[in-house]
Amino acid sequence: MTSLEQAKTIVKVLDKKKGKDIKLVEIKNLSSLGDYFVIASATSTTQVKSLADEVEEEMTKLGFEPNRVEGRQSAQWILMDYYDVMVHVFLEESRNFYNLERLWCDAPQVDISDILTKD
């Protein structure tokens, strides 16, 4: 499975679990951190944890374990490092504060409109 396929799988999991404002950002030509960021928001810390748990469970089923997971305690921002794919699950207020999309504005966003369900 390529890193793009992994990232799109994570997008599907987050969408199915009602993650909000999901973005897929390609960082591979700008950073050695990985190939992609998946960014999603949640409306409560409970949902932040639930989204992260679901991603971890589904990726484990596919044979992928995260290298590192940070932020579970506060659940304001959970970062999951899948080597080439970094998953950021934010509480909405935290996402607005850190504004990763602005920080990485030079990174192209991948069109995921064909993956996301219509609400």
N, C-alpha and C. Protein backbone atom coordinates (compact mmCIF):
# COMPACT_ATOMS: atom_id res chain seq x y z
N MET A 1 0.86 -1.17 0.00
CA MET A 1 0.00 0.00 0.00
C MET A 1 0.90 1.24 0.00
N THR A 2 0.67 2.13 -0.94
CA THR A 2 1.47 3.36 -1.01
C THR A 2 1.07 4.31 0.12
N SER A 3 1.90 5.31 0.33
CA SER A 3 1.56 6.28 1.37
C SER A 3 0.29 7.05 1.02
N LEU A 4 0.05 7.31 -0.26
CA LEU A 4 -1.19 7.97 -0.66
C LEU A 4 -2.40 7.08 -0.38
N GLU A 5 -2.27 5.80 -0.65
CA GLU A 5 -3.38 4.86 -0.35
C GLU A 5 -3.62 4.79 1.15
N GLN A 6 -2.55 4.78 1.95
CA GLN A 6 -2.70 4.80 3.40
C GLN A 6 -3.45 6.06 3.84
N ALA A 7 -3.02 7.19 3.32
CA ALA A 7 -3.63 8.46 3.70
C ALA A 7 -5.11 8.48 3.33
N LYS A 8 -5.44 8.00 2.14
CA LYS A 8 -6.84 7.99 1.70
C LYS A 8 -7.67 7.02 2.54
N THR A 9 -7.06 5.92 2.96
CA THR A 9 -7.76 4.99 3.85
C THR A 9 -8.08 5.68 5.18
N ILE A 10 -7.13 6.42 5.70
CA ILE A 10 -7.33 7.15 6.95
C ILE A 10 -8.42 8.20 6.78
N VAL A 11 -8.42 8.89 5.65
CA VAL A 11 -9.48 9.87 5.36
C VAL A 11 -10.85 9.18 5.41
N LYS A 12 -10.96 8.02 4.80
CA LYS A 12 -12.23 7.28 4.79
C LYS A 12 -12.68 6.91 6.20
N VAL A 13 -11.73 6.47 7.02
CA VAL A 13 -12.04 6.10 8.41
C VAL A 13 -12.55 7.32 9.18
N LEU A 14 -11.85 8.43 9.05
CA LEU A 14 -12.25 9.65 9.75
C LEU A 14 -13.61 10.15 9.27
N ASP A 15 -13.86 10.05 7.98
CA ASP A 15 -15.14 10.49 7.43
C ASP A 15 -16.27 9.60 7.93
N LYS A 16 -16.04 8.31 7.92
CA LYS A 16 -17.06 7.36 8.39
C LYS A 16 -17.42 7.61 9.85
N LYS A 17 -16.44 8.05 10.63
CA LYS A 17 -16.63 8.29 12.06
C LYS A 17 -17.05 9.73 12.35
N LYS A 18 -17.41 10.48 11.30
CA LYS A 18 -17.94 11.85 11.42
C LYS A 18 -16.90 12.90 11.79
N GLY A 19 -15.64 12.67 11.36
CA GLY A 19 -14.64 13.72 11.50
C GLY A 19 -15.06 14.91 10.66
N LYS A 20 -14.65 16.09 11.06
CA LYS A 20 -15.08 17.32 10.37
C LYS A 20 -13.91 17.97 9.63
N ASP A 21 -14.23 18.63 8.53
CA ASP A 21 -13.27 19.43 7.77
C ASP A 21 -11.97 18.66 7.53
N ILE A 22 -12.08 17.48 6.95
CA ILE A 22 -10.93 16.62 6.71
C ILE A 22 -10.14 17.12 5.51
N LYS A 23 -8.84 17.22 5.68
CA LYS A 23 -7.94 17.67 4.62
C LYS A 23 -6.80 16.67 4.47
N LEU A 24 -6.33 16.51 3.24
CA LEU A 24 -5.17 15.69 2.94
C LEU A 24 -4.16 16.59 2.25
N VAL A 25 -3.00 16.77 2.90
CA VAL A 25 -1.99 17.71 2.44
C VAL A 25 -0.72 16.93 2.08
N GLU A 26 -0.21 17.18 0.89
CA GLU A 26 1.01 16.51 0.44
C GLU A 26 2.22 17.33 0.84
N ILE A 27 3.06 16.74 1.70
CA ILE A 27 4.22 17.47 2.22
C ILE A 27 5.54 16.88 1.74
N LYS A 28 5.50 15.83 0.94
CA LYS A 28 6.73 15.09 0.62
C LYS A 28 7.80 15.91 -0.07
N ASN A 29 7.43 16.93 -0.82
CA ASN A 29 8.43 17.75 -1.50
C ASN A 29 8.89 18.94 -0.65
N LEU A 30 8.31 19.07 0.55
CA LEU A 30 8.63 20.21 1.41
C LEU A 30 9.27 19.81 2.73
N SER A 31 9.19 18.53 3.11
CA SER A 31 9.63 18.14 4.44
C SER A 31 10.08 16.68 4.47
N SER A 32 10.94 16.39 5.40
CA SER A 32 11.36 15.00 5.61
C SER A 32 10.48 14.31 6.66
N LEU A 33 9.45 15.02 7.15
CA LEU A 33 8.55 14.45 8.15
C LEU A 33 7.76 13.26 7.61
N GLY A 34 7.50 13.28 6.32
CA GLY A 34 6.70 12.23 5.71
C GLY A 34 6.20 12.69 4.35
N ASP A 35 5.20 11.97 3.84
CA ASP A 35 4.63 12.30 2.54
C ASP A 35 3.34 13.09 2.63
N TYR A 36 2.52 12.78 3.66
CA TYR A 36 1.20 13.39 3.76
C TYR A 36 0.84 13.72 5.20
N PHE A 37 0.05 14.78 5.35
CA PHE A 37 -0.67 15.09 6.58
C PHE A 37 -2.13 14.82 6.31
N VAL A 38 -2.77 14.12 7.23
CA VAL A 38 -4.23 14.05 7.25
C VAL A 38 -4.66 14.87 8.45
N ILE A 39 -5.54 15.84 8.22
CA ILE A 39 -5.97 16.75 9.28
C ILE A 39 -7.48 16.67 9.40
N ALA A 40 -7.97 16.51 10.63
CA ALA A 40 -9.42 16.45 10.85
C ALA A 40 -9.74 17.13 12.18
N SER A 41 -11.00 17.55 12.29
CA SER A 41 -11.48 18.19 13.51
C SER A 41 -12.57 17.36 14.16
N ALA A 42 -12.75 17.61 15.44
CA ALA A 42 -13.82 16.98 16.21
C ALA A 42 -14.44 18.04 17.11
N THR A 43 -15.67 17.80 17.53
CA THR A 43 -16.39 18.79 18.32
C THR A 43 -16.21 18.62 19.83
N SER A 44 -15.59 17.52 20.26
CA SER A 44 -15.37 17.29 21.69
C SER A 44 -14.11 16.45 21.87
N THR A 45 -13.56 16.48 23.08
CA THR A 45 -12.38 15.66 23.35
C THR A 45 -12.72 14.17 23.24
N THR A 46 -13.94 13.82 23.57
CA THR A 46 -14.38 12.43 23.43
C THR A 46 -14.33 12.01 21.97
N GLN A 47 -14.78 12.88 21.08
CA GLN A 47 -14.74 12.55 19.66
C GLN A 47 -13.31 12.53 19.13
N VAL A 48 -12.45 13.42 19.62
CA VAL A 48 -11.04 13.40 19.22
C VAL A 48 -10.46 12.02 19.52
N LYS A 49 -10.67 11.54 20.74
CA LYS A 49 -10.16 10.22 21.13
C LYS A 49 -10.78 9.10 20.29
N SER A 50 -12.07 9.20 20.06
CA SER A 50 -12.78 8.20 19.28
C SER A 50 -12.26 8.12 17.85
N LEU A 51 -12.02 9.27 17.23
CA LEU A 51 -11.49 9.29 15.88
C LEU A 51 -10.09 8.66 15.83
N ALA A 52 -9.24 9.04 16.78
CA ALA A 52 -7.88 8.49 16.82
C ALA A 52 -7.92 6.98 17.07
N ASP A 53 -8.77 6.55 17.98
CA ASP A 53 -8.89 5.11 18.26
C ASP A 53 -9.34 4.34 17.03
N GLU A 54 -10.29 4.90 16.30
CA GLU A 54 -10.80 4.23 15.10
C GLU A 54 -9.73 4.13 14.02
N VAL A 55 -8.96 5.20 13.84
CA VAL A 55 -7.86 5.16 12.86
C VAL A 55 -6.87 4.07 13.26
N GLU A 56 -6.49 4.06 14.52
CA GLU A 56 -5.51 3.07 14.98
C GLU A 56 -6.04 1.65 14.81
N GLU A 57 -7.29 1.43 15.15
CA GLU A 57 -7.89 0.10 15.02
C GLU A 57 -7.93 -0.36 13.56
N GLU A 58 -8.39 0.51 12.68
CA GLU A 58 -8.52 0.14 11.27
C GLU A 58 -7.15 -0.05 10.60
N MET A 59 -6.19 0.79 10.95
CA MET A 59 -4.86 0.64 10.36
C MET A 59 -4.17 -0.62 10.88
N THR A 60 -4.40 -0.96 12.15
CA THR A 60 -3.85 -2.20 12.70
C THR A 60 -4.39 -3.41 11.95
N LYS A 61 -5.68 -3.38 11.62
CA LYS A 61 -6.27 -4.47 10.84
C LYS A 61 -5.58 -4.64 9.49
N LEU A 62 -5.07 -3.54 8.96
CA LEU A 62 -4.38 -3.58 7.67
C LEU A 62 -2.88 -3.84 7.81
N GLY A 63 -2.43 -4.00 9.06
CA GLY A 63 -1.03 -4.33 9.31
C GLY A 63 -0.12 -3.13 9.54
N PHE A 64 -0.70 -1.97 9.83
CA PHE A 64 0.08 -0.76 10.06
C PHE A 64 -0.07 -0.32 11.52
N GLU A 65 1.07 -0.21 12.20
CA GLU A 65 1.09 0.28 13.57
C GLU A 65 1.73 1.66 13.58
N PRO A 66 1.23 2.56 14.40
CA PRO A 66 1.85 3.89 14.44
C PRO A 66 3.23 3.83 15.09
N ASN A 67 4.13 4.63 14.59
CA ASN A 67 5.45 4.76 15.18
C ASN A 67 5.33 5.44 16.54
N ARG A 68 4.41 6.43 16.60
CA ARG A 68 4.23 7.20 17.83
C ARG A 68 2.84 7.83 17.82
N VAL A 69 2.25 7.93 19.00
CA VAL A 69 0.98 8.63 19.18
C VAL A 69 1.17 9.59 20.34
N GLU A 70 0.82 10.85 20.13
CA GLU A 70 0.96 11.85 21.19
C GLU A 70 -0.34 12.62 21.36
N GLY A 71 -0.59 13.08 22.58
CA GLY A 71 -1.71 13.95 22.85
C GLY A 71 -2.96 13.28 23.37
N ARG A 72 -2.91 11.98 23.64
CA ARG A 72 -4.12 11.28 24.11
C ARG A 72 -4.62 11.82 25.44
N GLN A 73 -3.71 12.24 26.31
CA GLN A 73 -4.11 12.71 27.64
C GLN A 73 -5.05 13.90 27.58
N SER A 74 -4.65 14.93 26.85
CA SER A 74 -5.49 16.13 26.80
C SER A 74 -6.57 16.04 25.73
N ALA A 75 -6.30 15.28 24.68
CA ALA A 75 -7.22 15.10 23.56
C ALA A 75 -7.63 16.42 22.91
N GLN A 76 -6.74 17.40 22.99
CA GLN A 76 -6.95 18.66 22.26
C GLN A 76 -6.43 18.50 20.83
N TRP A 77 -5.35 17.70 20.71
CA TRP A 77 -4.70 17.46 19.42
C TRP A 77 -3.98 16.12 19.56
N ILE A 78 -4.45 15.12 18.87
CA ILE A 78 -3.77 13.83 18.87
C ILE A 78 -3.02 13.70 17.56
N LEU A 79 -1.73 13.42 17.67
CA LEU A 79 -0.86 13.23 16.52
C LEU A 79 -0.51 11.76 16.43
N MET A 80 -0.74 11.19 15.26
CA MET A 80 -0.42 9.78 15.02
C MET A 80 0.59 9.73 13.87
N ASP A 81 1.74 9.15 14.15
CA ASP A 81 2.83 9.09 13.18
C ASP A 81 2.84 7.70 12.55
N TYR A 82 2.40 7.62 11.31
CA TYR A 82 2.47 6.39 10.54
C TYR A 82 3.61 6.47 9.53
N TYR A 83 4.74 6.97 9.97
CA TYR A 83 5.96 7.11 9.19
C TYR A 83 5.78 8.07 8.02
N ASP A 84 5.15 7.65 6.94
CA ASP A 84 4.96 8.51 5.77
C ASP A 84 3.68 9.32 5.84
N VAL A 85 2.80 8.98 6.76
CA VAL A 85 1.53 9.69 6.91
C VAL A 85 1.40 10.13 8.36
N MET A 86 1.24 11.44 8.55
CA MET A 86 1.04 12.00 9.87
C MET A 86 -0.44 12.38 10.00
N VAL A 87 -1.09 11.86 11.04
CA VAL A 87 -2.52 12.12 11.24
C VAL A 87 -2.68 13.09 12.40
N HIS A 88 -3.38 14.19 12.15
CA HIS A 88 -3.64 15.22 13.15
C HIS A 88 -5.14 15.27 13.40
N VAL A 89 -5.56 14.90 14.60
CA VAL A 89 -6.97 14.99 14.96
C VAL A 89 -7.08 16.06 16.04
N PHE A 90 -7.79 17.12 15.69
CA PHE A 90 -7.87 18.30 16.53
C PHE A 90 -9.26 18.51 17.11
N LEU A 91 -9.31 19.04 18.33
CA LEU A 91 -10.51 19.69 18.81
C LEU A 91 -10.62 20.96 17.97
N GLU A 92 -11.83 21.34 17.56
CA GLU A 92 -11.99 22.47 16.63
C GLU A 92 -11.24 23.72 17.07
N GLU A 93 -11.33 24.08 18.35
CA GLU A 93 -10.66 25.28 18.84
C GLU A 93 -9.14 25.18 18.70
N SER A 94 -8.60 24.01 18.97
CA SER A 94 -7.16 23.81 18.85
C SER A 94 -6.72 23.88 17.40
N ARG A 95 -7.52 23.34 16.51
CA ARG A 95 -7.17 23.41 15.09
C ARG A 95 -7.14 24.85 14.61
N ASN A 96 -8.11 25.64 15.05
CA ASN A 96 -8.12 27.05 14.67
C ASN A 96 -6.89 27.78 15.22
N PHE A 97 -6.48 27.43 16.43
CA PHE A 97 -5.33 28.07 17.06
C PHE A 97 -4.03 27.72 16.33
N TYR A 98 -3.79 26.44 16.08
CA TYR A 98 -2.53 26.00 15.47
C TYR A 98 -2.50 26.21 13.96
N ASN A 99 -3.64 26.15 13.32
CA ASN A 99 -3.80 26.46 11.90
C ASN A 99 -2.71 25.86 11.01
N LEU A 100 -2.60 24.53 11.03
CA LEU A 100 -1.59 23.86 10.23
C LEU A 100 -1.71 24.17 8.74
N GLU A 101 -2.93 24.36 8.26
CA GLU A 101 -3.12 24.66 6.84
C GLU A 101 -2.41 25.96 6.46
N ARG A 102 -2.40 26.94 7.36
CA ARG A 102 -1.68 28.19 7.10
C ARG A 102 -0.18 27.96 7.16
N LEU A 103 0.27 27.20 8.15
CA LEU A 103 1.70 26.93 8.29
C LEU A 103 2.25 26.16 7.08
N TRP A 104 1.43 25.31 6.51
CA TRP A 104 1.83 24.49 5.37
C TRP A 104 1.13 24.95 4.09
N CYS A 105 0.93 26.24 3.95
CA CYS A 105 0.17 26.77 2.81
C CYS A 105 0.86 26.50 1.48
N ASP A 106 2.16 26.25 1.47
CA ASP A 106 2.88 25.93 0.23
C ASP A 106 2.67 24.47 -0.19
N ALA A 107 2.14 23.67 0.70
CA ALA A 107 1.91 22.25 0.39
C ALA A 107 0.58 22.08 -0.34
N PRO A 108 0.58 21.34 -1.44
CA PRO A 108 -0.68 21.15 -2.17
C PRO A 108 -1.65 20.26 -1.40
N GLN A 109 -2.93 20.61 -1.49
CA GLN A 109 -3.97 19.76 -0.92
C GLN A 109 -4.41 18.74 -1.97
N VAL A 110 -4.57 17.51 -1.53
CA VAL A 110 -5.03 16.45 -2.42
C VAL A 110 -6.55 16.49 -2.45
N ASP A 111 -7.12 16.38 -3.63
CA ASP A 111 -8.58 16.38 -3.78
C ASP A 111 -9.12 15.06 -3.23
N ILE A 112 -9.92 15.16 -2.19
CA ILE A 112 -10.53 13.97 -1.59
C ILE A 112 -12.05 14.02 -1.68
N SER A 113 -12.56 14.90 -2.53
CA SER A 113 -14.02 15.07 -2.62
C SER A 113 -14.72 13.77 -3.05
N ASP A 114 -14.00 12.91 -3.78
CA ASP A 114 -14.59 11.64 -4.20
C ASP A 114 -14.65 10.62 -3.06
N ILE A 115 -13.93 10.88 -1.99
CA ILE A 115 -13.90 9.97 -0.83
C ILE A 115 -14.92 10.36 0.23
N LEU A 116 -15.06 11.67 0.45
CA LEU A 116 -15.90 12.16 1.53
C LEU A 116 -17.38 11.96 1.22
N THR A 117 -18.14 11.59 2.25
CA THR A 117 -19.57 11.45 2.09
C THR A 117 -20.23 12.81 2.18
N LYS A 118 -21.33 12.94 1.54
CA LYS A 118 -22.08 14.21 1.59
C LYS A 118 -22.96 14.18 2.82
N ASP A 119 -22.91 15.25 3.62
CA ASP A 119 -23.75 15.32 4.83
C ASP A 119 -25.12 15.83 4.51
